[in-house]
Amino acid sequence: MRVLIALVALVTAPFLASVAQEPPGNSPCWTVEHGAARDVHSQGQGRHLAKGHTKHECAPPVGGGGDGGGTGGGGATTCLVGNGFANIVGMSWWDVNGNTWQDNPVTEPGQAGWTIELSCGGTVVATTQTGLLPLPAGPGDYAFTGLSDGSYLVCEVVPSGWHLTLPMTPRPCSGGFGYTVDVSGLVAPQTWLANDFGNTTP
């Protein structure tokens, strides 16, 4: 019996330690399965890099309450724009043949002047337009910078007569598809790359 108790203690200790290491006031996007561990992986078509695992079952903020769009019970303010370390970048382009890839930037050019929305907790917290970045950025490029902790939804406002070919992950966006980027615990700048939108006409 003593051997069994010792074995259970050895197996559960690493898990309990990882849970205990989550910082006070952690954002709702911390994952129960992975605790504080973060790594780089691909999402979508294998071109979209993000830091951290896809959200599974999320742990509530320390102290309870709160959501991705406000202040959790632990006092950590989330989803602030302009004073954090996270950057989300991508582009919008004309996917002429509808194959979800920009085969050639000349024949499938970036689309300037298209609106990209950034939401958190169901509220739009920032908007930008493609083509506003300084050179050498392309005409379809966009960026949201200086984002603090939070779970962000990136959506394109799809003009009438167009429809999305990329991304293909359903999200509560006007075009039906978008990207979710979870930011938590950054202490240095980190960029989520290639949150791209391919567009074509019927």
N, C-alpha and C. Protein backbone atom coordinates (compact mmCIF):
# COMPACT_ATOMS: atom_id res chain seq x y z
N MET A 1 0.83 -1.20 0.00
CA MET A 1 0.00 0.00 0.00
C MET A 1 0.87 1.26 0.00
N ARG A 2 1.94 1.25 0.83
CA ARG A 2 2.83 2.41 0.88
C ARG A 2 3.50 2.64 -0.47
N VAL A 3 3.84 1.54 -1.16
CA VAL A 3 4.46 1.66 -2.48
C VAL A 3 3.50 2.30 -3.46
N LEU A 4 2.20 1.92 -3.42
CA LEU A 4 1.19 2.49 -4.30
C LEU A 4 1.00 3.97 -4.07
N ILE A 5 0.95 4.37 -2.80
CA ILE A 5 0.79 5.79 -2.46
C ILE A 5 1.98 6.59 -2.97
N ALA A 6 3.18 6.06 -2.79
CA ALA A 6 4.39 6.74 -3.25
C ALA A 6 4.38 6.88 -4.77
N LEU A 7 3.93 5.84 -5.47
CA LEU A 7 3.89 5.88 -6.93
C LEU A 7 2.90 6.93 -7.42
N VAL A 8 1.70 6.99 -6.81
CA VAL A 8 0.70 8.01 -7.19
C VAL A 8 1.25 9.40 -6.95
N ALA A 9 1.96 9.60 -5.85
CA ALA A 9 2.54 10.91 -5.54
C ALA A 9 3.56 11.32 -6.59
N LEU A 10 4.38 10.37 -7.04
CA LEU A 10 5.40 10.68 -8.05
C LEU A 10 4.78 11.04 -9.39
N VAL A 11 3.69 10.35 -9.75
CA VAL A 11 3.04 10.59 -11.04
C VAL A 11 2.32 11.92 -11.07
N THR A 12 1.64 12.27 -9.97
CA THR A 12 0.82 13.49 -9.95
C THR A 12 1.60 14.74 -9.62
N ALA A 13 2.78 14.62 -9.03
CA ALA A 13 3.54 15.80 -8.61
C ALA A 13 3.86 16.75 -9.75
N PRO A 14 4.33 16.26 -10.93
CA PRO A 14 4.64 17.20 -12.03
C PRO A 14 3.42 17.97 -12.49
N PHE A 15 2.24 17.30 -12.55
CA PHE A 15 1.03 18.00 -12.99
C PHE A 15 0.64 19.09 -12.00
N LEU A 16 0.65 18.73 -10.71
CA LEU A 16 0.29 19.72 -9.70
C LEU A 16 1.26 20.88 -9.69
N ALA A 17 2.53 20.59 -9.94
CA ALA A 17 3.53 21.66 -9.97
C ALA A 17 3.26 22.60 -11.13
N SER A 18 2.85 22.05 -12.30
CA SER A 18 2.63 22.91 -13.46
C SER A 18 1.43 23.80 -13.24
N VAL A 19 0.39 23.27 -12.57
CA VAL A 19 -0.78 24.10 -12.28
C VAL A 19 -0.41 25.20 -11.30
N ALA A 20 0.39 24.84 -10.30
CA ALA A 20 0.76 25.82 -9.27
C ALA A 20 1.63 26.92 -9.84
N GLN A 21 2.31 26.67 -10.96
CA GLN A 21 3.22 27.66 -11.51
C GLN A 21 2.51 28.72 -12.35
N GLU A 22 1.20 28.55 -12.63
CA GLU A 22 0.51 29.57 -13.41
C GLU A 22 0.51 30.88 -12.62
N PRO A 23 0.78 31.99 -13.28
CA PRO A 23 0.92 33.25 -12.57
C PRO A 23 -0.40 33.76 -12.02
N PRO A 24 -0.36 34.54 -10.94
CA PRO A 24 -1.59 35.12 -10.40
C PRO A 24 -2.29 35.96 -11.46
N GLY A 25 -3.61 35.89 -11.48
CA GLY A 25 -4.37 36.68 -12.43
C GLY A 25 -4.21 36.21 -13.84
N ASN A 26 -4.01 34.88 -14.04
CA ASN A 26 -3.78 34.39 -15.39
C ASN A 26 -4.99 34.63 -16.28
N SER A 27 -4.72 34.86 -17.55
CA SER A 27 -5.76 35.10 -18.53
C SER A 27 -6.60 33.85 -18.73
N PRO A 28 -7.90 33.98 -19.18
CA PRO A 28 -8.73 32.80 -19.40
C PRO A 28 -8.20 31.86 -20.46
N CYS A 29 -7.19 32.27 -21.24
CA CYS A 29 -6.75 31.39 -22.32
C CYS A 29 -5.62 30.46 -21.89
N TRP A 30 -5.28 30.43 -20.62
CA TRP A 30 -4.33 29.41 -20.16
C TRP A 30 -4.98 28.05 -20.27
N THR A 31 -4.26 27.05 -20.73
CA THR A 31 -4.84 25.73 -20.92
C THR A 31 -4.56 24.84 -19.74
N VAL A 32 -5.58 24.07 -19.38
CA VAL A 32 -5.43 23.13 -18.28
C VAL A 32 -4.43 22.04 -18.64
N GLU A 33 -4.51 21.56 -19.90
CA GLU A 33 -3.66 20.44 -20.30
C GLU A 33 -2.18 20.77 -20.27
N HIS A 34 -1.81 21.99 -20.63
CA HIS A 34 -0.41 22.30 -20.81
C HIS A 34 0.14 23.28 -19.77
N GLY A 35 -0.71 23.79 -18.88
CA GLY A 35 -0.23 24.71 -17.87
C GLY A 35 0.50 25.88 -18.47
N ALA A 36 1.70 26.17 -17.97
CA ALA A 36 2.45 27.34 -18.41
C ALA A 36 3.34 27.06 -19.61
N ALA A 37 3.35 25.82 -20.10
CA ALA A 37 4.25 25.49 -21.21
C ALA A 37 3.75 26.11 -22.51
N ARG A 38 4.63 26.71 -23.27
CA ARG A 38 4.28 27.30 -24.56
C ARG A 38 5.30 26.84 -25.59
N ASP A 39 4.89 26.67 -26.83
CA ASP A 39 5.84 26.36 -27.88
C ASP A 39 5.32 26.91 -29.20
N VAL A 40 6.11 26.74 -30.25
CA VAL A 40 5.73 27.25 -31.55
C VAL A 40 5.19 26.10 -32.39
N HIS A 41 4.02 26.29 -32.98
CA HIS A 41 3.46 25.26 -33.83
C HIS A 41 2.74 25.93 -34.98
N SER A 42 2.32 25.14 -35.95
CA SER A 42 1.60 25.69 -37.09
C SER A 42 0.12 25.45 -36.94
N GLN A 43 -0.67 26.33 -37.56
CA GLN A 43 -2.11 26.16 -37.58
C GLN A 43 -2.60 26.42 -39.00
N GLY A 44 -3.83 26.05 -39.27
CA GLY A 44 -4.40 26.30 -40.59
C GLY A 44 -3.72 25.47 -41.65
N GLN A 45 -3.15 26.13 -42.65
CA GLN A 45 -2.56 25.45 -43.78
C GLN A 45 -1.08 25.11 -43.58
N GLY A 46 -0.60 25.18 -42.37
CA GLY A 46 0.80 24.89 -42.11
C GLY A 46 1.68 26.10 -42.36
N ARG A 47 1.07 27.26 -42.66
CA ARG A 47 1.85 28.46 -42.90
C ARG A 47 1.69 29.47 -41.78
N HIS A 48 0.79 29.19 -40.85
CA HIS A 48 0.42 30.17 -39.85
C HIS A 48 1.04 29.80 -38.51
N LEU A 49 1.97 30.60 -38.05
CA LEU A 49 2.70 30.28 -36.84
C LEU A 49 2.09 30.99 -35.66
N ALA A 50 1.99 30.29 -34.55
CA ALA A 50 1.46 30.91 -33.34
C ALA A 50 2.23 30.37 -32.15
N LYS A 51 2.27 31.13 -31.09
CA LYS A 51 2.99 30.71 -29.89
C LYS A 51 1.96 30.20 -28.89
N GLY A 52 2.16 28.97 -28.44
CA GLY A 52 1.24 28.39 -27.49
C GLY A 52 0.33 27.38 -28.14
N HIS A 53 -0.22 26.50 -27.37
CA HIS A 53 -1.09 25.46 -27.90
C HIS A 53 -2.48 26.02 -28.18
N THR A 54 -3.17 25.39 -29.11
CA THR A 54 -4.56 25.74 -29.35
C THR A 54 -5.34 25.55 -28.05
N LYS A 55 -6.24 26.48 -27.79
CA LYS A 55 -7.00 26.43 -26.54
C LYS A 55 -7.84 25.17 -26.47
N HIS A 56 -7.73 24.44 -25.39
CA HIS A 56 -8.55 23.26 -25.18
C HIS A 56 -9.61 23.63 -24.13
N GLU A 57 -9.53 23.04 -22.97
CA GLU A 57 -10.42 23.45 -21.89
C GLU A 57 -9.68 24.45 -21.05
N CYS A 58 -10.19 25.67 -20.94
CA CYS A 58 -9.41 26.75 -20.34
C CYS A 58 -9.65 26.86 -18.85
N ALA A 59 -8.58 27.17 -18.14
CA ALA A 59 -8.68 27.41 -16.72
C ALA A 59 -9.25 28.80 -16.48
N PRO A 60 -10.13 28.96 -15.49
CA PRO A 60 -10.66 30.30 -15.20
C PRO A 60 -9.60 31.18 -14.59
N PRO A 61 -9.77 32.51 -14.66
CA PRO A 61 -8.78 33.40 -14.04
C PRO A 61 -8.70 33.15 -12.55
N VAL A 62 -7.52 33.36 -11.98
CA VAL A 62 -7.37 33.25 -10.54
C VAL A 62 -8.28 34.27 -9.88
N GLY A 63 -9.06 33.84 -8.92
CA GLY A 63 -10.01 34.73 -8.27
C GLY A 63 -11.39 34.62 -8.88
N GLY A 64 -11.51 33.95 -10.02
CA GLY A 64 -12.81 33.73 -10.64
C GLY A 64 -13.29 34.92 -11.42
N GLY A 65 -14.28 34.66 -12.29
CA GLY A 65 -14.92 35.75 -13.02
C GLY A 65 -14.05 36.29 -14.12
N GLY A 66 -14.56 37.28 -14.83
CA GLY A 66 -13.81 37.92 -15.90
C GLY A 66 -13.89 37.14 -17.17
N ASP A 67 -13.55 37.78 -18.30
CA ASP A 67 -13.50 37.08 -19.56
C ASP A 67 -12.41 37.69 -20.41
N GLY A 68 -12.33 37.30 -21.68
CA GLY A 68 -11.27 37.78 -22.55
C GLY A 68 -11.34 39.26 -22.82
N GLY A 69 -12.45 39.91 -22.47
CA GLY A 69 -12.58 41.31 -22.84
C GLY A 69 -12.47 42.27 -21.69
N GLY A 70 -12.10 41.81 -20.50
CA GLY A 70 -12.10 42.73 -19.38
C GLY A 70 -11.08 42.36 -18.35
N THR A 71 -11.41 42.60 -17.08
CA THR A 71 -10.50 42.34 -15.98
C THR A 71 -10.96 41.11 -15.24
N GLY A 72 -10.09 40.11 -15.09
CA GLY A 72 -10.41 38.90 -14.36
C GLY A 72 -10.44 39.18 -12.87
N GLY A 73 -10.95 38.16 -12.12
CA GLY A 73 -11.07 38.32 -10.69
C GLY A 73 -9.73 38.55 -10.02
N GLY A 74 -8.62 38.11 -10.67
CA GLY A 74 -7.31 38.27 -10.08
C GLY A 74 -6.71 39.65 -10.33
N GLY A 75 -7.44 40.51 -11.07
CA GLY A 75 -6.98 41.87 -11.27
C GLY A 75 -6.15 42.08 -12.52
N ALA A 76 -5.99 41.04 -13.37
CA ALA A 76 -5.18 41.18 -14.58
C ALA A 76 -6.04 41.74 -15.71
N THR A 77 -5.68 42.91 -16.20
CA THR A 77 -6.42 43.52 -17.31
C THR A 77 -5.98 42.88 -18.61
N THR A 78 -6.96 42.54 -19.44
CA THR A 78 -6.65 41.86 -20.69
C THR A 78 -7.14 42.66 -21.88
N CYS A 79 -6.60 42.29 -23.06
CA CYS A 79 -7.05 42.85 -24.34
C CYS A 79 -6.84 44.35 -24.45
N LEU A 80 -5.73 44.84 -23.98
CA LEU A 80 -5.38 46.23 -24.17
C LEU A 80 -4.52 46.35 -25.43
N VAL A 81 -4.75 47.40 -26.20
CA VAL A 81 -4.02 47.59 -27.44
C VAL A 81 -3.04 48.75 -27.27
N GLY A 82 -1.76 48.48 -27.52
CA GLY A 82 -0.76 49.55 -27.51
C GLY A 82 0.23 49.49 -26.38
N ASN A 83 -0.01 48.62 -25.38
CA ASN A 83 0.93 48.60 -24.26
C ASN A 83 1.38 47.19 -23.90
N GLY A 84 1.28 46.26 -24.85
CA GLY A 84 1.70 44.89 -24.59
C GLY A 84 2.83 44.46 -25.51
N PHE A 85 3.11 43.17 -25.54
CA PHE A 85 4.24 42.63 -26.29
C PHE A 85 3.84 41.87 -27.55
N ALA A 86 2.56 41.62 -27.75
CA ALA A 86 2.14 40.75 -28.85
C ALA A 86 1.84 41.56 -30.11
N ASN A 87 2.21 40.97 -31.25
CA ASN A 87 1.89 41.55 -32.56
C ASN A 87 1.22 40.49 -33.42
N ILE A 88 0.18 40.88 -34.13
CA ILE A 88 -0.51 39.98 -35.05
C ILE A 88 -0.41 40.58 -36.44
N VAL A 89 0.14 39.83 -37.38
CA VAL A 89 0.33 40.35 -38.73
C VAL A 89 -0.21 39.35 -39.75
N GLY A 90 -0.48 39.86 -40.93
CA GLY A 90 -0.97 39.01 -42.01
C GLY A 90 -1.19 39.83 -43.26
N MET A 91 -1.91 39.25 -44.22
CA MET A 91 -2.19 39.96 -45.45
C MET A 91 -3.51 39.48 -46.02
N SER A 92 -4.05 40.29 -46.93
CA SER A 92 -5.24 39.94 -47.69
C SER A 92 -4.85 39.97 -49.17
N TRP A 93 -5.22 38.92 -49.90
CA TRP A 93 -4.84 38.90 -51.31
C TRP A 93 -5.96 38.30 -52.15
N TRP A 94 -5.88 38.55 -53.45
CA TRP A 94 -6.86 38.04 -54.42
C TRP A 94 -6.44 36.63 -54.82
N ASP A 95 -7.16 35.65 -54.33
CA ASP A 95 -6.89 34.24 -54.64
C ASP A 95 -7.64 33.90 -55.93
N VAL A 96 -7.05 34.26 -57.05
CA VAL A 96 -7.72 34.18 -58.35
C VAL A 96 -8.24 32.78 -58.65
N ASN A 97 -7.41 31.77 -58.41
CA ASN A 97 -7.82 30.40 -58.74
C ASN A 97 -8.47 29.67 -57.56
N GLY A 98 -8.60 30.34 -56.40
CA GLY A 98 -9.32 29.77 -55.27
C GLY A 98 -8.67 28.57 -54.62
N ASN A 99 -7.34 28.44 -54.73
CA ASN A 99 -6.68 27.25 -54.18
C ASN A 99 -6.10 27.47 -52.79
N THR A 100 -6.40 28.58 -52.16
CA THR A 100 -5.99 28.96 -50.79
C THR A 100 -4.53 29.35 -50.67
N TRP A 101 -3.78 29.44 -51.78
CA TRP A 101 -2.38 29.85 -51.77
C TRP A 101 -2.18 31.05 -52.68
N GLN A 102 -1.29 31.95 -52.28
CA GLN A 102 -0.91 33.04 -53.16
C GLN A 102 0.19 32.51 -54.07
N ASP A 103 -0.20 32.04 -55.22
CA ASP A 103 0.75 31.39 -56.13
C ASP A 103 1.79 32.36 -56.68
N ASN A 104 1.37 33.59 -56.95
CA ASN A 104 2.27 34.59 -57.52
C ASN A 104 1.77 35.97 -57.10
N PRO A 105 2.62 36.77 -56.44
CA PRO A 105 2.18 38.08 -55.97
C PRO A 105 1.83 39.05 -57.10
N VAL A 106 2.23 38.73 -58.31
CA VAL A 106 1.90 39.59 -59.45
C VAL A 106 0.52 39.26 -59.99
N THR A 107 0.27 37.96 -60.20
CA THR A 107 -1.02 37.54 -60.75
C THR A 107 -2.09 37.40 -59.67
N GLU A 108 -1.67 37.27 -58.41
CA GLU A 108 -2.61 37.21 -57.28
C GLU A 108 -2.18 38.26 -56.25
N PRO A 109 -2.45 39.53 -56.55
CA PRO A 109 -1.89 40.62 -55.75
C PRO A 109 -2.59 40.81 -54.40
N GLY A 110 -1.85 41.46 -53.48
CA GLY A 110 -2.45 41.89 -52.23
C GLY A 110 -3.51 42.93 -52.48
N GLN A 111 -4.52 42.94 -51.61
CA GLN A 111 -5.64 43.87 -51.77
C GLN A 111 -5.51 45.01 -50.75
N ALA A 112 -5.26 46.21 -51.22
CA ALA A 112 -5.12 47.37 -50.33
C ALA A 112 -6.48 47.96 -50.01
N GLY A 113 -6.60 48.52 -48.81
CA GLY A 113 -7.81 49.21 -48.42
C GLY A 113 -8.91 48.32 -47.88
N TRP A 114 -8.59 47.05 -47.58
CA TRP A 114 -9.58 46.14 -47.00
C TRP A 114 -9.50 46.21 -45.49
N THR A 115 -10.63 46.14 -44.80
CA THR A 115 -10.69 46.32 -43.35
C THR A 115 -10.49 45.00 -42.62
N ILE A 116 -9.62 45.04 -41.62
CA ILE A 116 -9.37 43.91 -40.74
C ILE A 116 -9.78 44.33 -39.32
N GLU A 117 -10.56 43.48 -38.66
CA GLU A 117 -11.04 43.77 -37.31
C GLU A 117 -10.38 42.85 -36.29
N LEU A 118 -10.10 43.40 -35.12
CA LEU A 118 -9.56 42.65 -34.00
C LEU A 118 -10.56 42.73 -32.86
N SER A 119 -11.07 41.57 -32.43
CA SER A 119 -12.07 41.54 -31.36
C SER A 119 -11.54 40.79 -30.16
N CYS A 120 -12.13 41.07 -29.01
CA CYS A 120 -11.80 40.38 -27.78
C CYS A 120 -13.05 40.36 -26.91
N GLY A 121 -13.44 39.18 -26.47
CA GLY A 121 -14.64 39.08 -25.64
C GLY A 121 -15.90 39.53 -26.36
N GLY A 122 -15.94 39.38 -27.68
CA GLY A 122 -17.11 39.76 -28.45
C GLY A 122 -17.19 41.23 -28.81
N THR A 123 -16.15 41.99 -28.47
CA THR A 123 -16.12 43.42 -28.75
C THR A 123 -14.94 43.75 -29.66
N VAL A 124 -15.18 44.56 -30.69
CA VAL A 124 -14.10 45.00 -31.56
C VAL A 124 -13.24 46.00 -30.79
N VAL A 125 -11.95 45.66 -30.62
CA VAL A 125 -11.05 46.52 -29.86
C VAL A 125 -10.11 47.32 -30.75
N ALA A 126 -10.00 46.94 -32.04
CA ALA A 126 -9.15 47.69 -32.97
C ALA A 126 -9.53 47.30 -34.40
N THR A 127 -9.37 48.24 -35.31
CA THR A 127 -9.52 47.97 -36.74
C THR A 127 -8.35 48.59 -37.48
N THR A 128 -8.04 48.04 -38.62
CA THR A 128 -7.01 48.61 -39.47
C THR A 128 -7.36 48.30 -40.91
N GLN A 129 -6.62 48.88 -41.82
CA GLN A 129 -6.81 48.59 -43.23
C GLN A 129 -5.52 48.03 -43.81
N THR A 130 -5.67 47.17 -44.77
CA THR A 130 -4.49 46.64 -45.46
C THR A 130 -3.85 47.74 -46.28
N GLY A 131 -2.53 47.65 -46.42
CA GLY A 131 -1.81 48.61 -47.25
C GLY A 131 -1.38 49.88 -46.55
N LEU A 132 -1.56 49.95 -45.23
CA LEU A 132 -1.17 51.16 -44.51
C LEU A 132 0.25 51.10 -43.96
N LEU A 133 0.86 49.92 -43.97
CA LEU A 133 2.20 49.77 -43.40
C LEU A 133 3.25 50.38 -44.31
N PRO A 134 4.34 50.91 -43.73
CA PRO A 134 5.40 51.49 -44.57
C PRO A 134 6.11 50.43 -45.40
N LEU A 135 6.71 50.86 -46.47
CA LEU A 135 7.50 49.95 -47.31
C LEU A 135 8.63 49.35 -46.48
N PRO A 136 8.99 48.10 -46.73
CA PRO A 136 8.69 47.28 -47.91
C PRO A 136 7.45 46.41 -47.78
N ALA A 137 6.54 46.73 -46.86
CA ALA A 137 5.32 45.94 -46.75
C ALA A 137 4.53 46.01 -48.06
N GLY A 138 3.81 44.94 -48.34
CA GLY A 138 3.02 44.88 -49.56
C GLY A 138 1.68 45.57 -49.42
N PRO A 139 0.94 45.73 -50.52
CA PRO A 139 -0.34 46.45 -50.50
C PRO A 139 -1.42 45.75 -49.69
N GLY A 140 -1.30 44.43 -49.49
CA GLY A 140 -2.32 43.72 -48.74
C GLY A 140 -1.97 43.46 -47.29
N ASP A 141 -0.81 43.95 -46.83
CA ASP A 141 -0.34 43.64 -45.48
C ASP A 141 -1.05 44.48 -44.42
N TYR A 142 -1.18 43.89 -43.23
CA TYR A 142 -1.76 44.61 -42.08
C TYR A 142 -1.03 44.16 -40.83
N ALA A 143 -1.22 44.91 -39.73
CA ALA A 143 -0.61 44.54 -38.45
C ALA A 143 -1.38 45.17 -37.31
N PHE A 144 -1.49 44.42 -36.23
CA PHE A 144 -1.95 44.93 -34.93
C PHE A 144 -0.76 44.75 -33.99
N THR A 145 -0.37 45.80 -33.31
CA THR A 145 0.84 45.74 -32.49
C THR A 145 0.56 46.16 -31.05
N GLY A 146 1.48 45.76 -30.16
CA GLY A 146 1.41 46.17 -28.76
C GLY A 146 0.22 45.61 -28.02
N LEU A 147 -0.14 44.34 -28.29
CA LEU A 147 -1.32 43.75 -27.66
C LEU A 147 -0.94 43.09 -26.33
N SER A 148 -1.79 43.26 -25.33
CA SER A 148 -1.57 42.63 -24.03
C SER A 148 -2.26 41.28 -24.00
N ASP A 149 -2.24 40.64 -22.82
CA ASP A 149 -2.86 39.32 -22.67
C ASP A 149 -4.33 39.34 -23.08
N GLY A 150 -4.76 38.26 -23.69
CA GLY A 150 -6.16 38.12 -24.06
C GLY A 150 -6.33 37.10 -25.17
N SER A 151 -7.56 36.74 -25.44
CA SER A 151 -7.89 35.84 -26.54
C SER A 151 -8.51 36.68 -27.65
N TYR A 152 -7.79 36.82 -28.76
CA TYR A 152 -8.17 37.73 -29.83
C TYR A 152 -8.77 36.98 -31.02
N LEU A 153 -9.73 37.62 -31.66
CA LEU A 153 -10.33 37.10 -32.88
C LEU A 153 -10.00 38.07 -34.01
N VAL A 154 -9.37 37.56 -35.09
CA VAL A 154 -8.99 38.38 -36.23
C VAL A 154 -9.93 38.06 -37.39
N CYS A 155 -10.62 39.08 -37.89
CA CYS A 155 -11.60 38.90 -38.96
C CYS A 155 -11.36 39.91 -40.08
N GLU A 156 -11.68 39.50 -41.28
CA GLU A 156 -11.68 40.42 -42.42
C GLU A 156 -13.12 40.81 -42.72
N VAL A 157 -13.34 42.07 -43.00
CA VAL A 157 -14.65 42.52 -43.46
C VAL A 157 -14.68 42.28 -44.97
N VAL A 158 -15.37 41.23 -45.38
CA VAL A 158 -15.35 40.79 -46.77
C VAL A 158 -16.32 41.65 -47.59
N PRO A 159 -15.81 42.34 -48.61
CA PRO A 159 -16.69 43.17 -49.44
C PRO A 159 -17.73 42.34 -50.18
N SER A 160 -18.83 42.97 -50.54
CA SER A 160 -19.88 42.31 -51.30
C SER A 160 -19.32 41.80 -52.62
N GLY A 161 -19.73 40.60 -53.00
CA GLY A 161 -19.27 40.01 -54.25
C GLY A 161 -18.02 39.16 -54.12
N TRP A 162 -17.44 39.14 -52.91
CA TRP A 162 -16.24 38.33 -52.65
C TRP A 162 -16.57 37.28 -51.61
N HIS A 163 -15.77 36.22 -51.55
CA HIS A 163 -15.85 35.27 -50.44
C HIS A 163 -14.46 34.74 -50.13
N LEU A 164 -14.30 34.29 -48.88
CA LEU A 164 -13.00 33.83 -48.39
C LEU A 164 -12.68 32.43 -48.89
N THR A 165 -11.41 32.22 -49.24
CA THR A 165 -10.88 30.88 -49.49
C THR A 165 -9.94 30.46 -48.36
N LEU A 166 -9.43 31.43 -47.63
CA LEU A 166 -8.54 31.21 -46.49
C LEU A 166 -8.76 32.33 -45.49
N PRO A 167 -8.89 32.02 -44.20
CA PRO A 167 -8.77 30.71 -43.56
C PRO A 167 -10.02 29.86 -43.78
N MET A 168 -9.92 28.61 -43.36
CA MET A 168 -11.05 27.70 -43.49
C MET A 168 -11.57 27.24 -42.13
N THR A 169 -11.13 27.93 -41.07
CA THR A 169 -11.58 27.60 -39.72
C THR A 169 -12.77 28.48 -39.36
N PRO A 170 -13.94 27.89 -39.11
CA PRO A 170 -15.13 28.70 -38.77
C PRO A 170 -14.89 29.54 -37.53
N ARG A 171 -15.22 30.81 -37.64
CA ARG A 171 -15.13 31.73 -36.52
C ARG A 171 -16.31 32.70 -36.62
N PRO A 172 -16.72 33.32 -35.52
CA PRO A 172 -17.85 34.25 -35.55
C PRO A 172 -17.48 35.60 -36.18
N CYS A 173 -17.10 35.54 -37.46
CA CYS A 173 -16.76 36.73 -38.24
C CYS A 173 -17.84 36.97 -39.28
N SER A 174 -17.89 38.17 -39.83
CA SER A 174 -18.89 38.46 -40.85
C SER A 174 -18.71 37.57 -42.08
N GLY A 175 -17.47 37.20 -42.38
CA GLY A 175 -17.20 36.31 -43.51
C GLY A 175 -17.29 34.83 -43.15
N GLY A 176 -17.54 34.53 -41.88
CA GLY A 176 -17.70 33.16 -41.43
C GLY A 176 -16.43 32.47 -40.98
N PHE A 177 -15.26 33.06 -41.29
CA PHE A 177 -13.99 32.42 -40.97
C PHE A 177 -13.01 33.48 -40.46
N GLY A 178 -12.09 33.05 -39.60
CA GLY A 178 -11.09 33.97 -39.06
C GLY A 178 -10.04 33.23 -38.28
N TYR A 179 -9.30 33.96 -37.47
CA TYR A 179 -8.20 33.39 -36.67
C TYR A 179 -8.40 33.74 -35.20
N THR A 180 -8.08 32.80 -34.33
CA THR A 180 -8.04 33.05 -32.89
C THR A 180 -6.57 33.04 -32.45
N VAL A 181 -6.16 34.08 -31.75
CA VAL A 181 -4.80 34.17 -31.24
C VAL A 181 -4.88 34.39 -29.73
N ASP A 182 -4.33 33.45 -28.98
CA ASP A 182 -4.32 33.54 -27.52
C ASP A 182 -2.97 34.06 -27.05
N VAL A 183 -3.01 35.13 -26.29
CA VAL A 183 -1.78 35.76 -25.78
C VAL A 183 -1.79 35.66 -24.26
N SER A 184 -0.71 35.19 -23.70
CA SER A 184 -0.65 35.07 -22.25
C SER A 184 0.79 35.06 -21.76
N GLY A 185 1.07 35.91 -20.79
CA GLY A 185 2.32 35.86 -20.05
C GLY A 185 3.57 36.27 -20.79
N LEU A 186 3.46 37.07 -21.86
CA LEU A 186 4.66 37.48 -22.59
C LEU A 186 5.46 38.50 -21.78
N VAL A 187 6.78 38.37 -21.84
CA VAL A 187 7.68 39.34 -21.20
C VAL A 187 8.62 39.96 -22.22
N ALA A 188 8.45 39.58 -23.49
CA ALA A 188 9.25 40.12 -24.58
C ALA A 188 8.38 40.10 -25.84
N PRO A 189 8.70 40.92 -26.85
CA PRO A 189 7.89 40.96 -28.07
C PRO A 189 7.78 39.60 -28.75
N GLN A 190 6.59 39.28 -29.21
CA GLN A 190 6.33 38.04 -29.93
C GLN A 190 5.34 38.34 -31.06
N THR A 191 5.60 37.81 -32.24
CA THR A 191 4.75 38.08 -33.40
C THR A 191 4.07 36.81 -33.87
N TRP A 192 2.75 36.88 -34.05
CA TRP A 192 1.97 35.80 -34.64
C TRP A 192 1.89 36.09 -36.13
N LEU A 193 2.51 35.24 -36.94
CA LEU A 193 2.70 35.51 -38.36
C LEU A 193 1.60 34.91 -39.23
N ALA A 194 1.46 35.49 -40.44
CA ALA A 194 0.71 34.89 -41.53
C ALA A 194 -0.74 34.57 -41.20
N ASN A 195 -1.42 35.48 -40.53
CA ASN A 195 -2.87 35.35 -40.36
C ASN A 195 -3.50 35.95 -41.62
N ASP A 196 -3.46 35.17 -42.68
CA ASP A 196 -3.75 35.67 -44.03
C ASP A 196 -5.19 35.40 -44.45
N PHE A 197 -5.69 36.26 -45.34
CA PHE A 197 -7.04 36.11 -45.88
C PHE A 197 -6.97 36.05 -47.41
N GLY A 198 -7.38 34.90 -47.94
CA GLY A 198 -7.48 34.76 -49.39
C GLY A 198 -8.91 35.04 -49.82
N ASN A 199 -9.07 35.80 -50.88
CA ASN A 199 -10.40 36.20 -51.35
C ASN A 199 -10.55 35.94 -52.84
N THR A 200 -11.75 35.51 -53.21
CA THR A 200 -12.02 35.31 -54.62
C THR A 200 -13.45 35.70 -54.92
N THR A 201 -13.76 35.82 -56.18
CA THR A 201 -15.11 36.14 -56.60
C THR A 201 -15.78 34.88 -57.14
N PRO A 202 -17.08 34.80 -57.11
CA PRO A 202 -17.78 33.57 -57.56
C PRO A 202 -17.40 33.22 -59.01
